[in-house]
């Protein structure tokens, strides 16, 4: 029974760490850029787009397709940074918890 009590205690600690992690991710803002910084996208730690900045030189009709591609690239850059931040936060939240190999959280 002592082992079960320890497992429950660890689960409660992990739940508290997960809630803290979610709060930190919600407050986190990550910027992705493309076209040498001509297009910038800011995402929350949960991947929600918060802002976009476009260099005025790209607002030409002739550059529409380039602009569209740069927006997608900037979003992908920011999304990759968010995923890296989430992985780092998850590692902090599960530190010291003996998880089976290959098990990832959240489920």
Foldseek 3Di string as FASTA:
>chain_A
DVVVVVVVVLVVQLVVLVVVLVVQQQPDWFWFFPPVRQKIWIAGLVLHTDDIHHHVVCPDPVNVVVVVVGNVRRSVRRVVVSVVSSVVSQCVSCPPPDDPPPDDPPD
